[in-house]
Amino acid sequence: MTETPALTARGLARQQALIAAATTLFLAKGYASVTVDEVVAIAGGSKTNIYRQFGGKEGLFAAVVDTLCAELLSPLVQLQLGDTPRAAGLMILGRTLLRQLLTPRHIAFQRMVTAASDQFPALMARWYEVGPRQSQRIIAGFLGGGPGCAAAAVLFHDMLVTEAVSRAMMGTPMPPDAVAQHLQSAVALLLPGLAEICAPLE
């Protein structure tokens, strides 16, 4: 099996330029309304570069999804909570996650992915794996790992995200004080059950 050769510095720069241009266009117009020609007009190069590096528009869209998820989750990944007590750690995780997910950039991203989900269900699955599922894994890791902690992380994540993000997508975002109360309520609801479903932190 022939391995794909590593990109040169110039090739990597071209790839990043294509992803950046596609990100801007997809967020502004949605997947269906963007053409490969428009991406090339902004990024430079040629359509051949897109087909060689990404296989086409769908592959470029997948790269944009990966890039945006990594960008949005970067502050969560970088948290160093160590032996932080669970209540305080969940507040930090939740606050960081909500701050990222309620930005206009993320709301536009969510709309973009949702709009393309019927046409590209595999890309929706990819988004879920590198976006929400990754957030849940980070939360589960803080709680201590194991099936019980993974289940608790999903519950906590969904309690936080579903209401807040849905309202933002509908154009009726929660005020900051309501977001803070929403987070406190989610932590208060989750904590009592952790002793039963999730092993204690050591």
N, C-alpha and C. Protein backbone atom coordinates (compact mmCIF):
# COMPACT_ATOMS: atom_id res chain seq x y z
N MET A 1 0.85 -1.19 0.00
CA MET A 1 0.00 0.00 0.00
C MET A 1 0.88 1.24 0.00
N THR A 2 0.64 2.15 -0.92
CA THR A 2 1.46 3.36 -1.03
C THR A 2 1.04 4.39 0.01
N GLU A 3 2.01 4.92 0.75
CA GLU A 3 1.72 5.92 1.75
C GLU A 3 1.64 7.30 1.11
N THR A 4 0.74 8.13 1.63
CA THR A 4 0.64 9.50 1.14
C THR A 4 1.86 10.28 1.61
N PRO A 5 2.60 10.92 0.70
CA PRO A 5 3.79 11.65 1.11
C PRO A 5 3.44 12.81 2.03
N ALA A 6 4.35 13.09 2.96
CA ALA A 6 4.13 14.20 3.89
C ALA A 6 4.14 15.51 3.12
N LEU A 7 3.33 16.45 3.59
CA LEU A 7 3.27 17.75 2.94
C LEU A 7 4.54 18.55 3.22
N THR A 8 4.98 19.28 2.24
CA THR A 8 6.06 20.23 2.45
C THR A 8 5.52 21.42 3.22
N ALA A 9 6.41 22.30 3.67
CA ALA A 9 5.97 23.50 4.38
C ALA A 9 5.04 24.33 3.50
N ARG A 10 5.36 24.41 2.23
CA ARG A 10 4.52 25.16 1.30
C ARG A 10 3.17 24.47 1.12
N GLY A 11 3.20 23.14 1.02
CA GLY A 11 1.96 22.39 0.87
C GLY A 11 1.07 22.51 2.10
N LEU A 12 1.69 22.49 3.28
CA LEU A 12 0.92 22.64 4.52
C LEU A 12 0.29 24.03 4.60
N ALA A 13 1.06 25.04 4.21
CA ALA A 13 0.53 26.41 4.22
C ALA A 13 -0.65 26.53 3.26
N ARG A 14 -0.54 25.89 2.10
CA ARG A 14 -1.64 25.92 1.12
C ARG A 14 -2.87 25.21 1.68
N GLN A 15 -2.64 24.07 2.34
CA GLN A 15 -3.74 23.33 2.93
C GLN A 15 -4.46 24.17 4.00
N GLN A 16 -3.68 24.82 4.85
CA GLN A 16 -4.27 25.64 5.90
C GLN A 16 -5.03 26.83 5.32
N ALA A 17 -4.52 27.39 4.22
CA ALA A 17 -5.21 28.51 3.57
C ALA A 17 -6.55 28.06 3.00
N LEU A 18 -6.57 26.87 2.42
CA LEU A 18 -7.82 26.34 1.87
C LEU A 18 -8.84 26.08 2.98
N ILE A 19 -8.39 25.51 4.09
CA ILE A 19 -9.29 25.25 5.21
C ILE A 19 -9.82 26.56 5.78
N ALA A 20 -8.95 27.55 5.92
CA ALA A 20 -9.38 28.85 6.46
C ALA A 20 -10.40 29.52 5.56
N ALA A 21 -10.15 29.49 4.25
CA ALA A 21 -11.10 30.10 3.31
C ALA A 21 -12.42 29.35 3.31
N ALA A 22 -12.36 28.03 3.31
CA ALA A 22 -13.58 27.23 3.32
C ALA A 22 -14.37 27.45 4.60
N THR A 23 -13.66 27.57 5.72
CA THR A 23 -14.34 27.81 7.00
C THR A 23 -15.14 29.10 6.94
N THR A 24 -14.52 30.16 6.47
CA THR A 24 -15.20 31.45 6.36
C THR A 24 -16.45 31.35 5.49
N LEU A 25 -16.30 30.70 4.35
CA LEU A 25 -17.42 30.59 3.41
C LEU A 25 -18.52 29.67 3.92
N PHE A 26 -18.16 28.51 4.45
CA PHE A 26 -19.17 27.58 4.94
C PHE A 26 -19.96 28.18 6.10
N LEU A 27 -19.28 28.87 7.01
CA LEU A 27 -19.98 29.48 8.14
C LEU A 27 -20.93 30.58 7.68
N ALA A 28 -20.53 31.31 6.67
CA ALA A 28 -21.34 32.43 6.20
C ALA A 28 -22.50 31.99 5.32
N LYS A 29 -22.28 30.95 4.49
CA LYS A 29 -23.26 30.62 3.46
C LYS A 29 -23.85 29.21 3.59
N GLY A 30 -23.23 28.36 4.39
CA GLY A 30 -23.66 26.97 4.44
C GLY A 30 -22.97 26.14 3.37
N TYR A 31 -22.91 24.83 3.59
CA TYR A 31 -22.20 23.94 2.69
C TYR A 31 -22.74 24.01 1.27
N ALA A 32 -24.05 23.92 1.12
CA ALA A 32 -24.65 23.79 -0.21
C ALA A 32 -24.42 25.00 -1.10
N SER A 33 -24.27 26.17 -0.50
CA SER A 33 -24.17 27.41 -1.28
C SER A 33 -22.74 27.79 -1.64
N VAL A 34 -21.77 27.01 -1.22
CA VAL A 34 -20.36 27.33 -1.47
C VAL A 34 -19.84 26.46 -2.61
N THR A 35 -19.08 27.06 -3.51
CA THR A 35 -18.46 26.30 -4.59
C THR A 35 -16.95 26.21 -4.36
N VAL A 36 -16.36 25.20 -4.96
CA VAL A 36 -14.91 25.05 -4.89
C VAL A 36 -14.22 26.26 -5.50
N ASP A 37 -14.79 26.81 -6.55
CA ASP A 37 -14.20 27.99 -7.18
C ASP A 37 -14.12 29.17 -6.21
N GLU A 38 -15.13 29.34 -5.37
CA GLU A 38 -15.11 30.43 -4.39
C GLU A 38 -13.99 30.24 -3.38
N VAL A 39 -13.80 29.01 -2.95
CA VAL A 39 -12.72 28.72 -1.99
C VAL A 39 -11.37 29.06 -2.61
N VAL A 40 -11.16 28.63 -3.83
CA VAL A 40 -9.89 28.89 -4.52
C VAL A 40 -9.69 30.38 -4.75
N ALA A 41 -10.77 31.10 -5.03
CA ALA A 41 -10.65 32.54 -5.27
C ALA A 41 -10.13 33.27 -4.04
N ILE A 42 -10.46 32.78 -2.85
CA ILE A 42 -9.98 33.39 -1.61
C ILE A 42 -8.61 32.87 -1.22
N ALA A 43 -8.44 31.55 -1.29
CA ALA A 43 -7.21 30.92 -0.78
C ALA A 43 -6.06 30.96 -1.77
N GLY A 44 -6.39 31.07 -3.06
CA GLY A 44 -5.35 30.96 -4.08
C GLY A 44 -5.13 29.51 -4.48
N GLY A 45 -4.23 29.30 -5.40
CA GLY A 45 -3.98 27.95 -5.89
C GLY A 45 -4.98 27.57 -6.97
N SER A 46 -5.33 26.29 -7.00
CA SER A 46 -6.25 25.81 -8.02
C SER A 46 -7.16 24.75 -7.44
N LYS A 47 -8.20 24.40 -8.19
CA LYS A 47 -9.11 23.35 -7.74
C LYS A 47 -8.38 22.02 -7.60
N THR A 48 -7.34 21.85 -8.38
CA THR A 48 -6.55 20.61 -8.29
C THR A 48 -6.03 20.41 -6.88
N ASN A 49 -5.63 21.50 -6.21
CA ASN A 49 -5.13 21.40 -4.84
C ASN A 49 -6.19 20.82 -3.90
N ILE A 50 -7.43 21.26 -4.09
CA ILE A 50 -8.51 20.78 -3.23
C ILE A 50 -8.75 19.29 -3.46
N TYR A 51 -8.79 18.88 -4.72
CA TYR A 51 -9.05 17.47 -5.01
C TYR A 51 -7.87 16.58 -4.61
N ARG A 52 -6.66 17.11 -4.73
CA ARG A 52 -5.48 16.33 -4.35
C ARG A 52 -5.40 16.17 -2.83
N GLN A 53 -5.65 17.23 -2.09
CA GLN A 53 -5.44 17.20 -0.65
C GLN A 53 -6.67 16.73 0.13
N PHE A 54 -7.87 16.97 -0.41
CA PHE A 54 -9.08 16.65 0.35
C PHE A 54 -10.03 15.69 -0.37
N GLY A 55 -9.77 15.44 -1.65
CA GLY A 55 -10.65 14.57 -2.41
C GLY A 55 -11.87 15.25 -2.97
N GLY A 56 -12.05 16.52 -2.66
CA GLY A 56 -13.20 17.27 -3.16
C GLY A 56 -13.81 18.12 -2.08
N LYS A 57 -14.96 18.68 -2.39
CA LYS A 57 -15.63 19.62 -1.48
C LYS A 57 -16.05 18.94 -0.18
N GLU A 58 -16.54 17.71 -0.25
CA GLU A 58 -16.97 17.02 0.96
C GLU A 58 -15.80 16.76 1.90
N GLY A 59 -14.66 16.36 1.34
CA GLY A 59 -13.48 16.16 2.16
C GLY A 59 -12.99 17.45 2.79
N LEU A 60 -13.10 18.54 2.06
CA LEU A 60 -12.74 19.85 2.60
C LEU A 60 -13.67 20.22 3.74
N PHE A 61 -14.95 19.92 3.58
CA PHE A 61 -15.91 20.20 4.64
C PHE A 61 -15.57 19.40 5.90
N ALA A 62 -15.18 18.14 5.73
CA ALA A 62 -14.78 17.32 6.87
C ALA A 62 -13.58 17.92 7.58
N ALA A 63 -12.62 18.45 6.82
CA ALA A 63 -11.45 19.09 7.42
C ALA A 63 -11.85 20.34 8.19
N VAL A 64 -12.82 21.08 7.67
CA VAL A 64 -13.32 22.26 8.37
C VAL A 64 -13.98 21.86 9.68
N VAL A 65 -14.77 20.80 9.66
CA VAL A 65 -15.43 20.32 10.88
C VAL A 65 -14.38 19.94 11.93
N ASP A 66 -13.37 19.18 11.53
CA ASP A 66 -12.30 18.80 12.46
C ASP A 66 -11.60 20.02 13.03
N THR A 67 -11.29 20.98 12.17
CA THR A 67 -10.55 22.17 12.59
C THR A 67 -11.37 23.01 13.56
N LEU A 68 -12.64 23.22 13.25
CA LEU A 68 -13.48 24.03 14.13
C LEU A 68 -13.71 23.35 15.48
N CYS A 69 -13.89 22.05 15.49
CA CYS A 69 -14.06 21.34 16.76
C CYS A 69 -12.81 21.47 17.61
N ALA A 70 -11.64 21.29 17.01
CA ALA A 70 -10.39 21.42 17.75
C ALA A 70 -10.22 22.83 18.29
N GLU A 71 -10.57 23.81 17.48
CA GLU A 71 -10.46 25.22 17.89
C GLU A 71 -11.39 25.52 19.07
N LEU A 72 -12.62 25.08 18.97
CA LEU A 72 -13.61 25.39 19.99
C LEU A 72 -13.34 24.65 21.30
N LEU A 73 -12.79 23.45 21.22
CA LEU A 73 -12.54 22.66 22.42
C LEU A 73 -11.16 22.88 23.02
N SER A 74 -10.32 23.64 22.35
CA SER A 74 -8.96 23.85 22.83
C SER A 74 -8.89 24.34 24.28
N PRO A 75 -9.69 25.32 24.70
CA PRO A 75 -9.63 25.75 26.10
C PRO A 75 -10.01 24.65 27.08
N LEU A 76 -10.93 23.77 26.68
CA LEU A 76 -11.33 22.66 27.54
C LEU A 76 -10.21 21.63 27.65
N VAL A 77 -9.57 21.35 26.53
CA VAL A 77 -8.46 20.38 26.50
C VAL A 77 -7.30 20.86 27.37
N GLN A 78 -7.07 22.16 27.39
CA GLN A 78 -5.92 22.72 28.09
C GLN A 78 -6.12 22.86 29.59
N LEU A 79 -7.33 22.64 30.09
CA LEU A 79 -7.56 22.76 31.53
C LEU A 79 -6.71 21.75 32.30
N GLN A 80 -6.12 22.21 33.38
CA GLN A 80 -5.34 21.35 34.27
C GLN A 80 -6.03 21.35 35.64
N LEU A 81 -6.95 20.40 35.84
CA LEU A 81 -7.76 20.43 37.05
C LEU A 81 -7.16 19.61 38.19
N GLY A 82 -6.26 18.68 37.86
CA GLY A 82 -5.58 17.93 38.91
C GLY A 82 -6.53 17.35 39.93
N ASP A 83 -6.28 17.69 41.22
CA ASP A 83 -7.11 17.16 42.30
C ASP A 83 -8.20 18.14 42.72
N THR A 84 -8.63 18.98 41.80
CA THR A 84 -9.73 19.91 42.08
C THR A 84 -10.96 19.13 42.54
N PRO A 85 -11.63 19.56 43.61
CA PRO A 85 -12.87 18.88 44.04
C PRO A 85 -13.89 18.82 42.91
N ARG A 86 -14.71 17.81 42.94
CA ARG A 86 -15.63 17.59 41.84
C ARG A 86 -16.55 18.78 41.58
N ALA A 87 -17.12 19.34 42.61
CA ALA A 87 -18.06 20.45 42.41
C ALA A 87 -17.37 21.62 41.72
N ALA A 88 -16.19 21.98 42.22
CA ALA A 88 -15.45 23.10 41.63
C ALA A 88 -15.00 22.76 40.21
N GLY A 89 -14.53 21.52 40.01
CA GLY A 89 -14.07 21.12 38.69
C GLY A 89 -15.18 21.12 37.66
N LEU A 90 -16.35 20.63 38.05
CA LEU A 90 -17.49 20.64 37.13
C LEU A 90 -17.91 22.07 36.78
N MET A 91 -17.83 22.96 37.74
CA MET A 91 -18.14 24.37 37.46
C MET A 91 -17.16 24.94 36.44
N ILE A 92 -15.88 24.63 36.61
CA ILE A 92 -14.87 25.13 35.68
C ILE A 92 -15.07 24.53 34.29
N LEU A 93 -15.28 23.23 34.24
CA LEU A 93 -15.51 22.57 32.95
C LEU A 93 -16.76 23.11 32.26
N GLY A 94 -17.83 23.23 33.03
CA GLY A 94 -19.08 23.70 32.45
C GLY A 94 -19.00 25.14 31.98
N ARG A 95 -18.36 25.98 32.78
CA ARG A 95 -18.21 27.39 32.41
C ARG A 95 -17.38 27.53 31.14
N THR A 96 -16.30 26.76 31.07
CA THR A 96 -15.43 26.81 29.89
C THR A 96 -16.16 26.32 28.65
N LEU A 97 -16.88 25.22 28.80
CA LEU A 97 -17.60 24.65 27.66
C LEU A 97 -18.68 25.60 27.15
N LEU A 98 -19.47 26.15 28.06
CA LEU A 98 -20.54 27.05 27.65
C LEU A 98 -20.00 28.33 27.03
N ARG A 99 -18.90 28.83 27.58
CA ARG A 99 -18.31 30.04 27.01
C ARG A 99 -17.94 29.82 25.55
N GLN A 100 -17.42 28.64 25.24
CA GLN A 100 -17.05 28.34 23.86
C GLN A 100 -18.26 28.07 22.97
N LEU A 101 -19.20 27.30 23.48
CA LEU A 101 -20.32 26.87 22.64
C LEU A 101 -21.33 27.98 22.38
N LEU A 102 -21.34 29.01 23.19
CA LEU A 102 -22.32 30.09 23.00
C LEU A 102 -21.77 31.27 22.23
N THR A 103 -20.57 31.13 21.67
CA THR A 103 -20.03 32.19 20.82
C THR A 103 -20.78 32.20 19.49
N PRO A 104 -20.88 33.36 18.84
CA PRO A 104 -21.51 33.41 17.52
C PRO A 104 -20.86 32.45 16.52
N ARG A 105 -19.55 32.26 16.64
CA ARG A 105 -18.85 31.37 15.71
C ARG A 105 -19.34 29.94 15.87
N HIS A 106 -19.49 29.49 17.12
CA HIS A 106 -19.96 28.12 17.31
C HIS A 106 -21.42 27.97 16.90
N ILE A 107 -22.24 28.95 17.19
CA ILE A 107 -23.65 28.84 16.79
C ILE A 107 -23.76 28.75 15.27
N ALA A 108 -22.96 29.53 14.56
CA ALA A 108 -22.94 29.43 13.10
C ALA A 108 -22.46 28.04 12.66
N PHE A 109 -21.47 27.50 13.36
CA PHE A 109 -20.95 26.16 13.08
C PHE A 109 -22.04 25.11 13.29
N GLN A 110 -22.76 25.22 14.40
CA GLN A 110 -23.83 24.27 14.69
C GLN A 110 -24.91 24.31 13.61
N ARG A 111 -25.28 25.49 13.19
CA ARG A 111 -26.28 25.62 12.13
C ARG A 111 -25.78 25.00 10.83
N MET A 112 -24.50 25.23 10.54
CA MET A 112 -23.91 24.70 9.31
C MET A 112 -23.96 23.17 9.30
N VAL A 113 -23.56 22.56 10.40
CA VAL A 113 -23.54 21.10 10.48
C VAL A 113 -24.95 20.53 10.43
N THR A 114 -25.86 21.17 11.14
CA THR A 114 -27.25 20.70 11.16
C THR A 114 -27.86 20.75 9.76
N ALA A 115 -27.59 21.84 9.04
CA ALA A 115 -28.15 21.99 7.70
C ALA A 115 -27.62 20.93 6.74
N ALA A 116 -26.39 20.47 6.96
CA ALA A 116 -25.78 19.49 6.05
C ALA A 116 -26.02 18.04 6.49
N SER A 117 -26.67 17.84 7.64
CA SER A 117 -26.75 16.50 8.22
C SER A 117 -27.55 15.52 7.37
N ASP A 118 -28.62 15.96 6.72
CA ASP A 118 -29.40 15.04 5.89
C ASP A 118 -28.60 14.57 4.68
N GLN A 119 -27.85 15.49 4.10
CA GLN A 119 -27.07 15.15 2.90
C GLN A 119 -25.84 14.32 3.23
N PHE A 120 -25.25 14.60 4.40
CA PHE A 120 -24.00 13.93 4.78
C PHE A 120 -24.09 13.39 6.21
N PRO A 121 -24.86 12.33 6.44
CA PRO A 121 -24.97 11.79 7.79
C PRO A 121 -23.64 11.33 8.36
N ALA A 122 -22.74 10.87 7.52
CA ALA A 122 -21.43 10.44 8.02
C ALA A 122 -20.64 11.61 8.58
N LEU A 123 -20.80 12.78 7.97
CA LEU A 123 -20.12 13.97 8.49
C LEU A 123 -20.73 14.41 9.81
N MET A 124 -22.04 14.23 9.96
CA MET A 124 -22.69 14.53 11.23
C MET A 124 -22.13 13.63 12.32
N ALA A 125 -21.93 12.36 11.99
CA ALA A 125 -21.35 11.42 12.95
C ALA A 125 -19.92 11.82 13.29
N ARG A 126 -19.19 12.29 12.29
CA ARG A 126 -17.81 12.73 12.52
C ARG A 126 -17.80 13.94 13.45
N TRP A 127 -18.69 14.91 13.20
CA TRP A 127 -18.80 16.08 14.06
C TRP A 127 -19.10 15.66 15.50
N TYR A 128 -20.02 14.72 15.65
CA TYR A 128 -20.39 14.29 17.00
C TYR A 128 -19.21 13.65 17.72
N GLU A 129 -18.40 12.90 16.98
CA GLU A 129 -17.26 12.21 17.59
C GLU A 129 -16.18 13.19 18.02
N VAL A 130 -15.86 14.16 17.18
CA VAL A 130 -14.74 15.07 17.50
C VAL A 130 -15.21 16.32 18.23
N GLY A 131 -16.54 16.48 18.38
CA GLY A 131 -17.08 17.63 19.09
C GLY A 131 -17.71 17.23 20.41
N PRO A 132 -19.02 16.99 20.44
CA PRO A 132 -19.68 16.63 21.70
C PRO A 132 -19.07 15.42 22.41
N ARG A 133 -18.77 14.37 21.66
CA ARG A 133 -18.21 13.17 22.30
C ARG A 133 -16.86 13.47 22.95
N GLN A 134 -16.05 14.28 22.31
CA GLN A 134 -14.77 14.64 22.89
C GLN A 134 -14.96 15.45 24.18
N SER A 135 -15.92 16.36 24.19
CA SER A 135 -16.23 17.12 25.41
C SER A 135 -16.62 16.17 26.53
N GLN A 136 -17.45 15.19 26.20
CA GLN A 136 -17.89 14.23 27.21
C GLN A 136 -16.72 13.40 27.74
N ARG A 137 -15.79 13.05 26.87
CA ARG A 137 -14.62 12.28 27.31
C ARG A 137 -13.77 13.09 28.28
N ILE A 138 -13.63 14.38 28.01
CA ILE A 138 -12.84 15.23 28.90
C ILE A 138 -13.50 15.31 30.28
N ILE A 139 -14.81 15.48 30.30
CA ILE A 139 -15.54 15.53 31.57
C ILE A 139 -15.42 14.20 32.30
N ALA A 140 -15.58 13.09 31.58
CA ALA A 140 -15.47 11.77 32.20
C ALA A 140 -14.08 11.54 32.76
N GLY A 141 -13.06 12.01 32.05
CA GLY A 141 -11.70 11.87 32.54
C GLY A 141 -11.49 12.59 33.86
N PHE A 142 -12.07 13.77 33.99
CA PHE A 142 -11.96 14.50 35.25
C PHE A 142 -12.68 13.75 36.37
N LEU A 143 -13.83 13.16 36.06
CA LEU A 143 -14.61 12.47 37.09
C LEU A 143 -13.96 11.17 37.54
N GLY A 144 -13.04 10.64 36.75
CA GLY A 144 -12.32 9.46 37.19
C GLY A 144 -12.31 8.31 36.21
N GLY A 145 -13.04 8.41 35.12
CA GLY A 145 -13.05 7.34 34.14
C GLY A 145 -14.00 6.22 34.53
N GLY A 146 -14.12 5.24 33.65
CA GLY A 146 -15.01 4.12 33.89
C GLY A 146 -16.40 4.37 33.33
N PRO A 147 -17.18 3.29 33.13
CA PRO A 147 -18.51 3.41 32.51
C PRO A 147 -19.44 4.36 33.25
N GLY A 148 -19.44 4.30 34.58
CA GLY A 148 -20.31 5.17 35.35
C GLY A 148 -19.98 6.63 35.16
N CYS A 149 -18.69 6.94 35.15
CA CYS A 149 -18.26 8.32 34.95
C CYS A 149 -18.57 8.78 33.53
N ALA A 150 -18.44 7.88 32.56
CA ALA A 150 -18.76 8.23 31.18
C ALA A 150 -20.24 8.57 31.05
N ALA A 151 -21.10 7.79 31.70
CA ALA A 151 -22.53 8.06 31.66
C ALA A 151 -22.85 9.39 32.34
N ALA A 152 -22.20 9.65 33.47
CA ALA A 152 -22.42 10.91 34.18
C ALA A 152 -21.97 12.09 33.34
N ALA A 153 -20.87 11.92 32.61
CA ALA A 153 -20.36 13.00 31.76
C ALA A 153 -21.34 13.34 30.64
N VAL A 154 -21.95 12.31 30.05
CA VAL A 154 -22.94 12.54 28.99
C VAL A 154 -24.14 13.30 29.55
N LEU A 155 -24.61 12.89 30.72
CA LEU A 155 -25.75 13.57 31.34
C LEU A 155 -25.42 15.03 31.64
N PHE A 156 -24.25 15.27 32.20
CA PHE A 156 -23.86 16.63 32.55
C PHE A 156 -23.73 17.49 31.29
N HIS A 157 -23.04 16.95 30.30
CA HIS A 157 -22.86 17.67 29.04
C HIS A 157 -24.21 18.04 28.42
N ASP A 158 -25.11 17.07 28.35
CA ASP A 158 -26.39 17.31 27.68
C ASP A 158 -27.29 18.25 28.49
N MET A 159 -27.23 18.16 29.81
CA MET A 159 -27.98 19.11 30.63
C MET A 159 -27.54 20.54 30.35
N LEU A 160 -26.25 20.71 30.21
CA LEU A 160 -25.71 22.05 29.96
C LEU A 160 -26.02 22.55 28.56
N VAL A 161 -25.74 21.71 27.59
CA VAL A 161 -25.66 22.17 26.20
C VAL A 161 -27.02 22.28 25.53
N THR A 162 -27.90 21.31 25.76
CA THR A 162 -29.14 21.25 24.97
C THR A 162 -29.95 22.53 25.07
N GLU A 163 -30.25 22.97 26.27
CA GLU A 163 -31.08 24.16 26.44
C GLU A 163 -30.36 25.42 25.98
N ALA A 164 -29.13 25.59 26.44
CA ALA A 164 -28.41 26.84 26.16
C ALA A 164 -28.13 27.02 24.67
N VAL A 165 -27.64 25.97 24.03
CA VAL A 165 -27.30 26.08 22.61
C VAL A 165 -28.56 26.14 21.75
N SER A 166 -29.58 25.38 22.09
CA SER A 166 -30.83 25.41 21.31
C SER A 166 -31.43 26.81 21.32
N ARG A 167 -31.43 27.45 22.47
CA ARG A 167 -31.99 28.79 22.54
C ARG A 167 -31.15 29.79 21.75
N ALA A 168 -29.85 29.63 21.80
CA ALA A 168 -28.99 30.52 21.01
C ALA A 168 -29.23 30.33 19.52
N MET A 169 -29.42 29.09 19.09
CA MET A 169 -29.67 28.82 17.68
C MET A 169 -31.01 29.39 17.22
N MET A 170 -31.97 29.49 18.13
CA MET A 170 -33.28 30.03 17.78
C MET A 170 -33.31 31.55 17.86
N GLY A 171 -32.19 32.16 18.25
CA GLY A 171 -32.13 33.61 18.33
C GLY A 171 -32.66 34.18 19.62
N THR A 172 -32.86 33.33 20.64
CA THR A 172 -33.32 33.80 21.95
C THR A 172 -32.34 33.31 23.02
N PRO A 173 -31.09 33.78 22.98
CA PRO A 173 -30.08 33.27 23.90
C PRO A 173 -30.40 33.58 25.36
N MET A 174 -29.93 32.70 26.23
CA MET A 174 -30.10 32.92 27.66
C MET A 174 -29.22 34.08 28.11
N PRO A 175 -29.72 34.97 28.97
CA PRO A 175 -28.86 36.03 29.52
C PRO A 175 -27.73 35.41 30.33
N PRO A 176 -26.61 36.14 30.51
CA PRO A 176 -25.47 35.59 31.25
C PRO A 176 -25.82 35.08 32.64
N ASP A 177 -26.69 35.80 33.37
CA ASP A 177 -27.03 35.34 34.71
C ASP A 177 -27.84 34.05 34.66
N ALA A 178 -28.65 33.88 33.62
CA ALA A 178 -29.41 32.64 33.47
C ALA A 178 -28.49 31.48 33.09
N VAL A 179 -27.47 31.75 32.29
CA VAL A 179 -26.48 30.72 31.94
C VAL A 179 -25.75 30.26 33.19
N ALA A 180 -25.36 31.21 34.04
CA ALA A 180 -24.65 30.87 35.28
C ALA A 180 -25.54 30.03 36.19
N GLN A 181 -26.80 30.39 36.31
CA GLN A 181 -27.73 29.62 37.14
C GLN A 181 -27.98 28.23 36.55
N HIS A 182 -28.04 28.17 35.24
CA HIS A 182 -28.22 26.89 34.54
C HIS A 182 -27.07 25.95 34.87
N LEU A 183 -25.85 26.46 34.86
CA LEU A 183 -24.67 25.66 35.19
C LEU A 183 -24.72 25.19 36.64
N GLN A 184 -25.03 26.10 37.55
CA GLN A 184 -25.10 25.73 38.97
C GLN A 184 -26.15 24.65 39.20
N SER A 185 -27.27 24.75 38.52
CA SER A 185 -28.33 23.75 38.67
C SER A 185 -27.88 22.39 38.15
N ALA A 186 -27.18 22.38 37.02
CA ALA A 186 -26.70 21.11 36.46
C ALA A 186 -25.71 20.43 37.40
N VAL A 187 -24.80 21.21 37.97
CA VAL A 187 -23.84 20.65 38.93
C VAL A 187 -24.56 20.12 40.16
N ALA A 188 -25.51 20.89 40.68
CA ALA A 188 -26.25 20.48 41.87
C ALA A 188 -27.05 19.21 41.63
N LEU A 189 -27.60 19.05 40.44
CA LEU A 189 -28.36 17.85 40.12
C LEU A 189 -27.46 16.63 39.96
N LEU A 190 -26.27 16.82 39.41
CA LEU A 190 -25.38 15.69 39.11
C LEU A 190 -24.66 15.17 40.35
N LEU A 191 -24.19 16.07 41.20
CA LEU A 191 -23.30 15.68 42.29
C LEU A 191 -23.84 14.56 43.19
N PRO A 192 -25.09 14.62 43.64
CA PRO A 192 -25.55 13.57 44.57
C PRO A 192 -25.47 12.16 43.99
N GLY A 193 -25.66 12.02 42.70
CA GLY A 193 -25.64 10.69 42.09
C GLY A 193 -24.26 10.15 41.77
N LEU A 194 -23.24 11.02 41.81
CA LEU A 194 -21.90 10.57 41.43
C LEU A 194 -21.36 9.50 42.35
N ALA A 195 -21.69 9.57 43.63
CA ALA A 195 -21.18 8.59 44.58
C ALA A 195 -21.64 7.18 44.23
N GLU A 196 -22.80 7.06 43.59
CA GLU A 196 -23.33 5.74 43.25
C GLU A 196 -22.88 5.25 41.88
N ILE A 197 -22.78 6.16 40.91
CA ILE A 197 -22.50 5.70 39.54
C ILE A 197 -21.07 5.92 39.09
N CYS A 198 -20.30 6.66 39.87
CA CYS A 198 -18.94 7.00 39.44
C CYS A 198 -17.99 6.85 40.62
N ALA A 199 -16.91 6.09 40.41
CA ALA A 199 -15.95 5.85 41.49
C ALA A 199 -15.39 7.17 41.99
N PRO A 200 -15.12 7.30 43.30
CA PRO A 200 -14.59 8.55 43.84
C PRO A 200 -13.20 8.85 43.31
N LEU A 201 -12.87 10.14 43.25
CA LEU A 201 -11.53 10.54 42.85
C LEU A 201 -10.53 10.09 43.90
N GLU A 202 -9.37 9.62 43.46
CA GLU A 202 -8.34 9.18 44.40
C GLU A 202 -7.32 10.28 44.62
